[in-house]
Amino acid sequence: MFLSWMAWTWPTAAFFIFILLAIGSMGVWEHFSPGGGPRRGVLGLDTTRGDRLFISLIGSAFIHLGWLAWLGTPLWGALAVSIVFLIAVFRWV
């Protein structure tokens, strides 16, 4: 009943809750450790924490879409690849 007003599924709601939590976490991180100055990574771009979060989210979306296109469901493998991608982006980009 909680999600019936928009015909959402629990995985869709979990995805948007994760996005909300990620943005909130970044806000708390910035509050306690201000600055987060730009850093030049392997791509030659100056990126901040927010930029790296955005790159991670967009990249994860494309990883999941590609997984669906070529391998279908289930998406657990795409989730694992996305987590590795997120770690790599925050570490080296």
PDB file of N, CA and C in Angstrom:
ATOM      1  N   MET A   1       0.809  -1.198   0.000  1.00  0.00           N
ATOM      2  CA  MET A   1       0.000   0.000   0.000  1.00  0.00           C
ATOM      3  C   MET A   1       0.853   1.263   0.000  1.00  0.00           C
ATOM      4  N   PHE A   2       2.020   1.195   0.639  1.00  0.00           N
ATOM      5  CA  PHE A   2       2.869   2.365   0.764  1.00  0.00           C
ATOM      6  C   PHE A   2       3.296   2.910  -0.598  1.00  0.00           C
ATOM      7  N   LEU A   3       3.577   2.030  -1.555  1.00  0.00           N
ATOM      8  CA  LEU A   3       4.067   2.466  -2.858  1.00  0.00           C
ATOM      9  C   LEU A   3       3.002   2.452  -3.946  1.00  0.00           C
ATOM     10  N   SER A   4       1.781   2.138  -3.617  1.00  0.00           N
ATOM     11  CA  SER A   4       0.747   1.967  -4.640  1.00  0.00           C
ATOM     12  C   SER A   4       0.332   3.264  -5.313  1.00  0.00           C
ATOM     13  N   TRP A   5       0.592   4.400  -4.708  1.00  0.00           N
ATOM     14  CA  TRP A   5       0.166   5.672  -5.291  1.00  0.00           C
ATOM     15  C   TRP A   5       0.874   5.949  -6.612  1.00  0.00           C
ATOM     16  N   MET A   6       2.017   5.317  -6.864  1.00  0.00           N
ATOM     17  CA  MET A   6       2.738   5.556  -8.108  1.00  0.00           C
ATOM     18  C   MET A   6       3.111   4.246  -8.791  1.00  0.00           C
ATOM     19  N   ALA A   7       2.576   3.151  -8.330  1.00  0.00           N
ATOM     20  CA  ALA A   7       2.835   1.825  -8.903  1.00  0.00           C
ATOM     21  C   ALA A   7       4.327   1.503  -8.910  1.00  0.00           C
ATOM     22  N   TRP A   8       5.026   1.890  -7.853  1.00  0.00           N
ATOM     23  CA  TRP A   8       6.443   1.585  -7.724  1.00  0.00           C
ATOM     24  C   TRP A   8       6.623   0.180  -7.185  1.00  0.00           C
ATOM     25  N   THR A   9       7.778  -0.364  -7.490  1.00  0.00           N
ATOM     26  CA  THR A   9       8.168  -1.632  -6.884  1.00  0.00           C
ATOM     27  C   THR A   9       9.172  -1.332  -5.776  1.00  0.00           C
ATOM     28  N   TRP A  10       9.392  -2.302  -4.910  1.00  0.00           N
ATOM     29  CA  TRP A  10      10.362  -2.092  -3.837  1.00  0.00           C
ATOM     30  C   TRP A  10      11.779  -1.871  -4.357  1.00  0.00           C
ATOM     31  N   PRO A  11      12.240  -2.569  -5.406  1.00  0.00           N
ATOM     32  CA  PRO A  11      13.584  -2.278  -5.910  1.00  0.00           C
ATOM     33  C   PRO A  11      13.721  -0.845  -6.437  1.00  0.00           C
ATOM     34  N   THR A  12      12.664  -0.334  -7.077  1.00  0.00           N
ATOM     35  CA  THR A  12      12.711   1.044  -7.560  1.00  0.00           C
ATOM     36  C   THR A  12      12.772   2.012  -6.390  1.00  0.00           C
ATOM     37  N   ALA A  13      11.971   1.772  -5.375  1.00  0.00           N
ATOM     38  CA  ALA A  13      11.992   2.629  -4.186  1.00  0.00           C
ATOM     39  C   ALA A  13      13.349   2.548  -3.497  1.00  0.00           C
ATOM     40  N   ALA A  14      13.929   1.346  -3.414  1.00  0.00           N
ATOM     41  CA  ALA A  14      15.245   1.186  -2.790  1.00  0.00           C
ATOM     42  C   ALA A  14      16.306   1.969  -3.552  1.00  0.00           C
ATOM     43  N   PHE A  15      16.214   1.974  -4.868  1.00  0.00           N
ATOM     44  CA  PHE A  15      17.160   2.730  -5.692  1.00  0.00           C
ATOM     45  C   PHE A  15      17.090   4.214  -5.368  1.00  0.00           C
ATOM     46  N   PHE A  16      15.896   4.763  -5.317  1.00  0.00           N
ATOM     47  CA  PHE A  16      15.766   6.190  -5.032  1.00  0.00           C
ATOM     48  C   PHE A  16      16.119   6.519  -3.590  1.00  0.00           C
ATOM     49  N   ILE A  17      15.852   5.610  -2.672  1.00  0.00           N
ATOM     50  CA  ILE A  17      16.277   5.816  -1.289  1.00  0.00           C
ATOM     51  C   ILE A  17      17.797   5.830  -1.209  1.00  0.00           C
ATOM     52  N   PHE A  18      18.450   4.935  -1.968  1.00  0.00           N
ATOM     53  CA  PHE A  18      19.911   4.925  -2.004  1.00  0.00           C
ATOM     54  C   PHE A  18      20.453   6.252  -2.531  1.00  0.00           C
ATOM     55  N   ILE A  19      19.861   6.780  -3.590  1.00  0.00           N
ATOM     56  CA  ILE A  19      20.306   8.062  -4.144  1.00  0.00           C
ATOM     57  C   ILE A  19      20.165   9.154  -3.080  1.00  0.00           C
ATOM     58  N   LEU A  20      19.040   9.181  -2.394  1.00  0.00           N
ATOM     59  CA  LEU A  20      18.806  10.168  -1.342  1.00  0.00           C
ATOM     60  C   LEU A  20      19.843  10.023  -0.226  1.00  0.00           C
ATOM     61  N   LEU A  21      20.112   8.798   0.193  1.00  0.00           N
ATOM     62  CA  LEU A  21      21.106   8.564   1.239  1.00  0.00           C
ATOM     63  C   LEU A  21      22.521   8.940   0.785  1.00  0.00           C
ATOM     64  N   ALA A  22      22.846   8.675  -0.474  1.00  0.00           N
ATOM     65  CA  ALA A  22      24.170   9.022  -0.998  1.00  0.00           C
ATOM     66  C   ALA A  22      24.363  10.532  -0.993  1.00  0.00           C
ATOM     67  N   ILE A  23      23.360  11.268  -1.443  1.00  0.00           N
ATOM     68  CA  ILE A  23      23.458  12.728  -1.461  1.00  0.00           C
ATOM     69  C   ILE A  23      23.509  13.267  -0.029  1.00  0.00           C
ATOM     70  N   GLY A  24      22.702  12.714   0.854  1.00  0.00           N
ATOM     71  CA  GLY A  24      22.739  13.131   2.258  1.00  0.00           C
ATOM     72  C   GLY A  24      24.082  12.843   2.908  1.00  0.00           C
ATOM     73  N   SER A  25      24.638  11.678   2.611  1.00  0.00           N
ATOM     74  CA  SER A  25      25.948  11.320   3.151  1.00  0.00           C
ATOM     75  C   SER A  25      27.030  12.270   2.658  1.00  0.00           C
ATOM     76  N   MET A  26      26.948  12.638   1.406  1.00  0.00           N
ATOM     77  CA  MET A  26      27.915  13.593   0.859  1.00  0.00           C
ATOM     78  C   MET A  26      27.784  14.948   1.553  1.00  0.00           C
ATOM     79  N   GLY A  27      26.554  15.350   1.870  1.00  0.00           N
ATOM     80  CA  GLY A  27      26.343  16.602   2.597  1.00  0.00           C
ATOM     81  C   GLY A  27      26.938  16.564   3.995  1.00  0.00           C
ATOM     82  N   VAL A  28      26.730  15.440   4.695  1.00  0.00           N
ATOM     83  CA  VAL A  28      27.297  15.289   6.035  1.00  0.00           C
ATOM     84  C   VAL A  28      28.819  15.263   5.959  1.00  0.00           C
ATOM     85  N   TRP A  29      29.362  14.554   4.979  1.00  0.00           N
ATOM     86  CA  TRP A  29      30.816  14.486   4.796  1.00  0.00           C
ATOM     87  C   TRP A  29      31.375  15.888   4.559  1.00  0.00           C
ATOM     88  N   GLU A  30      30.721  16.661   3.724  1.00  0.00           N
ATOM     89  CA  GLU A  30      31.172  18.021   3.429  1.00  0.00           C
ATOM     90  C   GLU A  30      31.059  18.908   4.674  1.00  0.00           C
ATOM     91  N   HIS A  31      30.038  18.683   5.488  1.00  0.00           N
ATOM     92  CA  HIS A  31      29.869  19.480   6.709  1.00  0.00           C
ATOM     93  C   HIS A  31      31.014  19.239   7.691  1.00  0.00           C
ATOM     94  N   PHE A  32      31.395  17.979   7.869  1.00  0.00           N
ATOM     95  CA  PHE A  32      32.434  17.643   8.833  1.00  0.00           C
ATOM     96  C   PHE A  32      33.843  17.755   8.270  1.00  0.00           C
ATOM     97  N   SER A  33      33.987  17.701   6.962  1.00  0.00           N
ATOM     98  CA  SER A  33      35.296  17.835   6.325  1.00  0.00           C
ATOM     99  C   SER A  33      35.145  18.755   5.116  1.00  0.00           C
ATOM    100  N   PRO A  34      35.023  20.072   5.376  1.00  0.00           N
ATOM    101  CA  PRO A  34      34.769  20.993   4.268  1.00  0.00           C
ATOM    102  C   PRO A  34      35.948  21.088   3.315  1.00  0.00           C
ATOM    103  N   GLY A  35      35.618  21.556   2.163  1.00  0.00           N
ATOM    104  CA  GLY A  35      36.653  21.736   1.156  1.00  0.00           C
ATOM    105  C   GLY A  35      36.549  20.677   0.093  1.00  0.00           C
ATOM    106  N   GLY A  36      37.167  19.558   0.348  1.00  0.00           N
ATOM    107  CA  GLY A  36      37.142  18.498  -0.660  1.00  0.00           C
ATOM    108  C   GLY A  36      37.603  19.032  -1.990  1.00  0.00           C
ATOM    109  N   GLY A  37      38.702  19.768  -1.963  1.00  0.00           N
ATOM    110  CA  GLY A  37      39.192  20.460  -3.154  1.00  0.00           C
ATOM    111  C   GLY A  37      39.296  19.565  -4.371  1.00  0.00           C
ATOM    112  N   PRO A  38      39.260  20.178  -5.532  1.00  0.00           N
ATOM    113  CA  PRO A  38      39.359  19.397  -6.768  1.00  0.00           C
ATOM    114  C   PRO A  38      40.648  18.583  -6.814  1.00  0.00           C
ATOM    115  N   ARG A  39      40.540  17.437  -7.447  1.00  0.00           N
ATOM    116  CA  ARG A  39      41.666  16.525  -7.579  1.00  0.00           C
ATOM    117  C   ARG A  39      41.754  16.109  -9.042  1.00  0.00           C
ATOM    118  N   ARG A  40      42.963  16.073  -9.582  1.00  0.00           N
ATOM    119  CA  ARG A  40      43.159  15.654 -10.966  1.00  0.00           C
ATOM    120  C   ARG A  40      43.418  14.164 -10.995  1.00  0.00           C
ATOM    121  N   GLY A  41      42.555  13.449 -11.726  1.00  0.00           N
ATOM    122  CA  GLY A  41      42.655  11.998 -11.778  1.00  0.00           C
ATOM    123  C   GLY A  41      43.238  11.494 -13.076  1.00  0.00           C
ATOM    124  N   VAL A  42      43.051  10.213 -13.341  1.00  0.00           N
ATOM    125  CA  VAL A  42      43.624   9.576 -14.526  1.00  0.00           C
ATOM    126  C   VAL A  42      43.005  10.084 -15.821  1.00  0.00           C
ATOM    127  N   LEU A  43      41.800  10.616 -15.746  1.00  0.00           N
ATOM    128  CA  LEU A  43      41.165  11.153 -16.949  1.00  0.00           C
ATOM    129  C   LEU A  43      41.630  12.564 -17.269  1.00  0.00           C
ATOM    130  N   GLY A  44      42.416  13.153 -16.378  1.00  0.00           N
ATOM    131  CA  GLY A  44      42.893  14.510 -16.592  1.00  0.00           C
ATOM    132  C   GLY A  44      41.865  15.570 -16.244  1.00  0.00           C
ATOM    133  N   LEU A  45      40.818  15.182 -15.525  1.00  0.00           N
ATOM    134  CA  LEU A  45      39.777  16.118 -15.128  1.00  0.00           C
ATOM    135  C   LEU A  45      39.984  16.523 -13.675  1.00  0.00           C
ATOM    136  N   ASP A  46      39.658  17.781 -13.370  1.00  0.00           N
ATOM    137  CA  ASP A  46      39.616  18.206 -11.977  1.00  0.00           C
ATOM    138  C   ASP A  46      38.231  17.876 -11.455  1.00  0.00           C
ATOM    139  N   THR A  47      38.150  16.983 -10.465  1.00  0.00           N
ATOM    140  CA  THR A  47      36.850  16.565  -9.948  1.00  0.00           C
ATOM    141  C   THR A  47      36.799  16.767  -8.443  1.00  0.00           C
ATOM    142  N   THR A  48      35.599  17.093  -7.949  1.00  0.00           N
ATOM    143  CA  THR A  48      35.346  17.188  -6.515  1.00  0.00           C
ATOM    144  C   THR A  48      34.613  15.923  -6.092  1.00  0.00           C
ATOM    145  N   ARG A  49      34.303  15.829  -4.802  1.00  0.00           N
ATOM    146  CA  ARG A  49      33.567  14.659  -4.321  1.00  0.00           C
ATOM    147  C   ARG A  49      32.227  14.511  -5.021  1.00  0.00           C
ATOM    148  N   GLY A  50      31.524  15.612  -5.165  1.00  0.00           N
ATOM    149  CA  GLY A  50      30.218  15.571  -5.825  1.00  0.00           C
ATOM    150  C   GLY A  50      30.318  15.129  -7.272  1.00  0.00           C
ATOM    151  N   ASP A  51      31.361  15.605  -7.968  1.00  0.00           N
ATOM    152  CA  ASP A  51      31.581  15.177  -9.352  1.00  0.00           C
ATOM    153  C   ASP A  51      31.808  13.678  -9.428  1.00  0.00           C
ATOM    154  N   ARG A  52      32.600  13.165  -8.503  1.00  0.00           N
ATOM    155  CA  ARG A  52      32.894  11.728  -8.501  1.00  0.00           C
ATOM    156  C   ARG A  52      31.650  10.909  -8.168  1.00  0.00           C
ATOM    157  N   LEU A  53      30.802  11.425  -7.278  1.00  0.00           N
ATOM    158  CA  LEU A  53      29.539  10.733  -6.995  1.00  0.00           C
ATOM    159  C   LEU A  53      28.667  10.699  -8.241  1.00  0.00           C
ATOM    160  N   PHE A  54      28.554  11.831  -8.929  1.00  0.00           N
ATOM    161  CA  PHE A  54      27.747  11.898 -10.141  1.00  0.00           C
ATOM    162  C   PHE A  54      28.283  10.949 -11.214  1.00  0.00           C
ATOM    163  N   ILE A  55      29.600  10.941 -11.424  1.00  0.00           N
ATOM    164  CA  ILE A  55      30.206  10.032 -12.407  1.00  0.00           C
ATOM    165  C   ILE A  55      29.915   8.585 -12.025  1.00  0.00           C
ATOM    166  N   SER A  56      29.992   8.265 -10.737  1.00  0.00           N
ATOM    167  CA  SER A  56      29.716   6.903 -10.268  1.00  0.00           C
ATOM    168  C   SER A  56      28.270   6.502 -10.532  1.00  0.00           C
ATOM    169  N   LEU A  57      27.329   7.397 -10.248  1.00  0.00           N
ATOM    170  CA  LEU A  57      25.910   7.081 -10.448  1.00  0.00           C
ATOM    171  C   LEU A  57      25.572   6.918 -11.926  1.00  0.00           C
ATOM    172  N   ILE A  58      26.071   7.825 -12.758  1.00  0.00           N
ATOM    173  CA  ILE A  58      25.807   7.721 -14.205  1.00  0.00           C
ATOM    174  C   ILE A  58      26.464   6.460 -14.766  1.00  0.00           C
ATOM    175  N   GLY A  59      27.701   6.195 -14.368  1.00  0.00           N
ATOM    176  CA  GLY A  59      28.383   4.988 -14.829  1.00  0.00           C
ATOM    177  C   GLY A  59      27.663   3.726 -14.404  1.00  0.00           C
ATOM    178  N   SER A  60      27.170   3.712 -13.173  1.00  0.00           N
ATOM    179  CA  SER A  60      26.431   2.546 -12.689  1.00  0.00           C
ATOM    180  C   SER A  60      25.143   2.331 -13.471  1.00  0.00           C
ATOM    181  N   ALA A  61      24.492   3.421 -13.839  1.00  0.00           N
ATOM    182  CA  ALA A  61      23.278   3.296 -14.654  1.00  0.00           C
ATOM    183  C   ALA A  61      23.605   2.646 -15.994  1.00  0.00           C
ATOM    184  N   PHE A  62      24.691   3.072 -16.627  1.00  0.00           N
ATOM    185  CA  PHE A  62      25.070   2.480 -17.912  1.00  0.00           C
ATOM    186  C   PHE A  62      25.537   1.037 -17.756  1.00  0.00           C
ATOM    187  N   ILE A  63      26.215   0.730 -16.657  1.00  0.00           N
ATOM    188  CA  ILE A  63      26.619  -0.658 -16.401  1.00  0.00           C
ATOM    189  C   ILE A  63      25.382  -1.544 -16.296  1.00  0.00           C
ATOM    190  N   HIS A  64      24.375  -1.101 -15.556  1.00  0.00           N
ATOM    191  CA  HIS A  64      23.150  -1.890 -15.406  1.00  0.00           C
ATOM    192  C   HIS A  64      22.396  -2.018 -16.734  1.00  0.00           C
ATOM    193  N   LEU A  65      22.327  -0.943 -17.498  1.00  0.00           N
ATOM    194  CA  LEU A  65      21.646  -1.021 -18.802  1.00  0.00           C
ATOM    195  C   LEU A  65      22.375  -1.962 -19.749  1.00  0.00           C
ATOM    196  N   GLY A  66      23.697  -1.888 -19.762  1.00  0.00           N
ATOM    197  CA  GLY A  66      24.475  -2.799 -20.603  1.00  0.00           C
ATOM    198  C   GLY A  66      24.317  -4.245 -20.170  1.00  0.00           C
ATOM    199  N   TRP A  67      24.301  -4.459 -18.866  1.00  0.00           N
ATOM    200  CA  TRP A  67      24.105  -5.818 -18.338  1.00  0.00           C
ATOM    201  C   TRP A  67      22.763  -6.360 -18.785  1.00  0.00           C
ATOM    202  N   LEU A  68      21.715  -5.528 -18.666  1.00  0.00           N
ATOM    203  CA  LEU A  68      20.386  -5.969 -19.097  1.00  0.00           C
ATOM    204  C   LEU A  68      20.355  -6.268 -20.587  1.00  0.00           C
ATOM    205  N   ALA A  69      21.032  -5.444 -21.376  1.00  0.00           N
ATOM    206  CA  ALA A  69      21.014  -5.626 -22.827  1.00  0.00           C
ATOM    207  C   ALA A  69      21.726  -6.911 -23.251  1.00  0.00           C
ATOM    208  N   TRP A  70      22.857  -7.214 -22.595  1.00  0.00           N
ATOM    209  CA  TRP A  70      23.654  -8.349 -23.062  1.00  0.00           C
ATOM    210  C   TRP A  70      23.466  -9.627 -22.252  1.00  0.00           C
ATOM    211  N   LEU A  71      23.187  -9.499 -20.969  1.00  0.00           N
ATOM    212  CA  LEU A  71      23.113 -10.696 -20.136  1.00  0.00           C
ATOM    213  C   LEU A  71      21.750 -10.930 -19.499  1.00  0.00           C
ATOM    214  N   GLY A  72      20.916  -9.910 -19.454  1.00  0.00           N
ATOM    215  CA  GLY A  72      19.588 -10.059 -18.860  1.00  0.00           C
ATOM    216  C   GLY A  72      19.634 -10.066 -17.341  1.00  0.00           C
ATOM    217  N   THR A  73      18.594 -10.630 -16.773  1.00  0.00           N
ATOM    218  CA  THR A  73      18.513 -10.669 -15.316  1.00  0.00           C
ATOM    219  C   THR A  73      19.101 -11.970 -14.803  1.00  0.00           C
ATOM    220  N   PRO A  74      19.480 -12.085 -13.570  1.00  0.00           N
ATOM    221  CA  PRO A  74      19.454 -11.128 -12.468  1.00  0.00           C
ATOM    222  C   PRO A  74      20.584 -10.106 -12.578  1.00  0.00           C
ATOM    223  N   LEU A  75      20.479  -9.045 -11.807  1.00  0.00           N
ATOM    224  CA  LEU A  75      21.413  -7.926 -11.901  1.00  0.00           C
ATOM    225  C   LEU A  75      22.466  -7.908 -10.793  1.00  0.00           C
ATOM    226  N   TRP A  76      22.644  -9.002 -10.079  1.00  0.00           N
ATOM    227  CA  TRP A  76      23.620  -9.028  -9.002  1.00  0.00           C
ATOM    228  C   TRP A  76      25.037  -8.794  -9.511  1.00  0.00           C
ATOM    229  N   GLY A  77      25.337  -9.325 -10.672  1.00  0.00           N
ATOM    230  CA  GLY A  77      26.661  -9.114 -11.262  1.00  0.00           C
ATOM    231  C   GLY A  77      26.880  -7.651 -11.612  1.00  0.00           C
ATOM    232  N   ALA A  78      25.855  -7.008 -12.146  1.00  0.00           N
ATOM    233  CA  ALA A  78      25.949  -5.585 -12.476  1.00  0.00           C
ATOM    234  C   ALA A  78      26.139  -4.760 -11.217  1.00  0.00           C
ATOM    235  N   LEU A  79      25.484  -5.155 -10.134  1.00  0.00           N
ATOM    236  CA  LEU A  79      25.653  -4.449  -8.864  1.00  0.00           C
ATOM    237  C   LEU A  79      27.097  -4.564  -8.379  1.00  0.00           C
ATOM    238  N   ALA A  80      27.674  -5.757  -8.482  1.00  0.00           N
ATOM    239  CA  ALA A  80      29.065  -5.957  -8.059  1.00  0.00           C
ATOM    240  C   ALA A  80      30.011  -5.117  -8.915  1.00  0.00           C
ATOM    241  N   VAL A  81      29.807  -5.115 -10.224  1.00  0.00           N
ATOM    242  CA  VAL A  81      30.641  -4.305 -11.118  1.00  0.00           C
ATOM    243  C   VAL A  81      30.480  -2.823 -10.791  1.00  0.00           C
ATOM    244  N   SER A  82      29.266  -2.396 -10.486  1.00  0.00           N
ATOM    245  CA  SER A  82      29.012  -0.996 -10.160  1.00  0.00           C
ATOM    246  C   SER A  82      29.712  -0.583  -8.874  1.00  0.00           C
ATOM    247  N   ILE A  83      29.737  -1.463  -7.886  1.00  0.00           N
ATOM    248  CA  ILE A  83      30.421  -1.144  -6.628  1.00  0.00           C
ATOM    249  C   ILE A  83      31.927  -1.018  -6.857  1.00  0.00           C
ATOM    250  N   VAL A  84      32.487  -1.915  -7.653  1.00  0.00           N
ATOM    251  CA  VAL A  84      33.914  -1.820  -7.993  1.00  0.00           C
ATOM    252  C   VAL A  84      34.172  -0.526  -8.758  1.00  0.00           C
ATOM    253  N   PHE A  85      33.269  -0.171  -9.677  1.00  0.00           N
ATOM    254  CA  PHE A  85      33.396   1.068 -10.441  1.00  0.00           C
ATOM    255  C   PHE A  85      33.357   2.283  -9.515  1.00  0.00           C
ATOM    256  N   LEU A  86      32.437   2.288  -8.545  1.00  0.00           N
ATOM    257  CA  LEU A  86      32.330   3.387  -7.591  1.00  0.00           C
ATOM    258  C   LEU A  86      33.628   3.550  -6.807  1.00  0.00           C
ATOM    259  N   ILE A  87      34.166   2.450  -6.325  1.00  0.00           N
ATOM    260  CA  ILE A  87      35.424   2.504  -5.569  1.00  0.00           C
ATOM    261  C   ILE A  87      36.551   3.032  -6.447  1.00  0.00           C
ATOM    262  N   ALA A  88      36.620   2.554  -7.689  1.00  0.00           N
ATOM    263  CA  ALA A  88      37.673   3.018  -8.616  1.00  0.00           C
ATOM    264  C   ALA A  88      37.538   4.514  -8.906  1.00  0.00           C
ATOM    265  N   VAL A  89      36.309   4.982  -9.105  1.00  0.00           N
ATOM    266  CA  VAL A  89      36.111   6.412  -9.400  1.00  0.00           C
ATOM    267  C   VAL A  89      36.550   7.257  -8.208  1.00  0.00           C
ATOM    268  N   PHE A  90      36.149   6.885  -7.000  1.00  0.00           N
ATOM    269  CA  PHE A  90      36.524   7.683  -5.837  1.00  0.00           C
ATOM    270  C   PHE A  90      38.017   7.575  -5.544  1.00  0.00           C
ATOM    271  N   ARG A  91      38.636   6.506  -5.972  1.00  0.00           N
ATOM    272  CA  ARG A  91      40.077   6.329  -5.705  1.00  0.00           C
ATOM    273  C   ARG A  91      40.951   7.002  -6.756  1.00  0.00           C
ATOM    274  N   TRP A  92      40.613   6.848  -8.052  1.00  0.00           N
ATOM    275  CA  TRP A  92      41.533   7.283  -9.099  1.00  0.00           C
ATOM    276  C   TRP A  92      41.034   8.379 -10.025  1.00  0.00           C
ATOM    277  N   VAL A  93      39.777   8.709 -10.002  1.00  0.00           N
ATOM    278  CA  VAL A  93      39.295   9.731 -10.958  1.00  0.00           C
ATOM    279  C   VAL A  93      39.329  11.087 -10.314  1.00  0.00           C
TER     280      VAL A  93
END
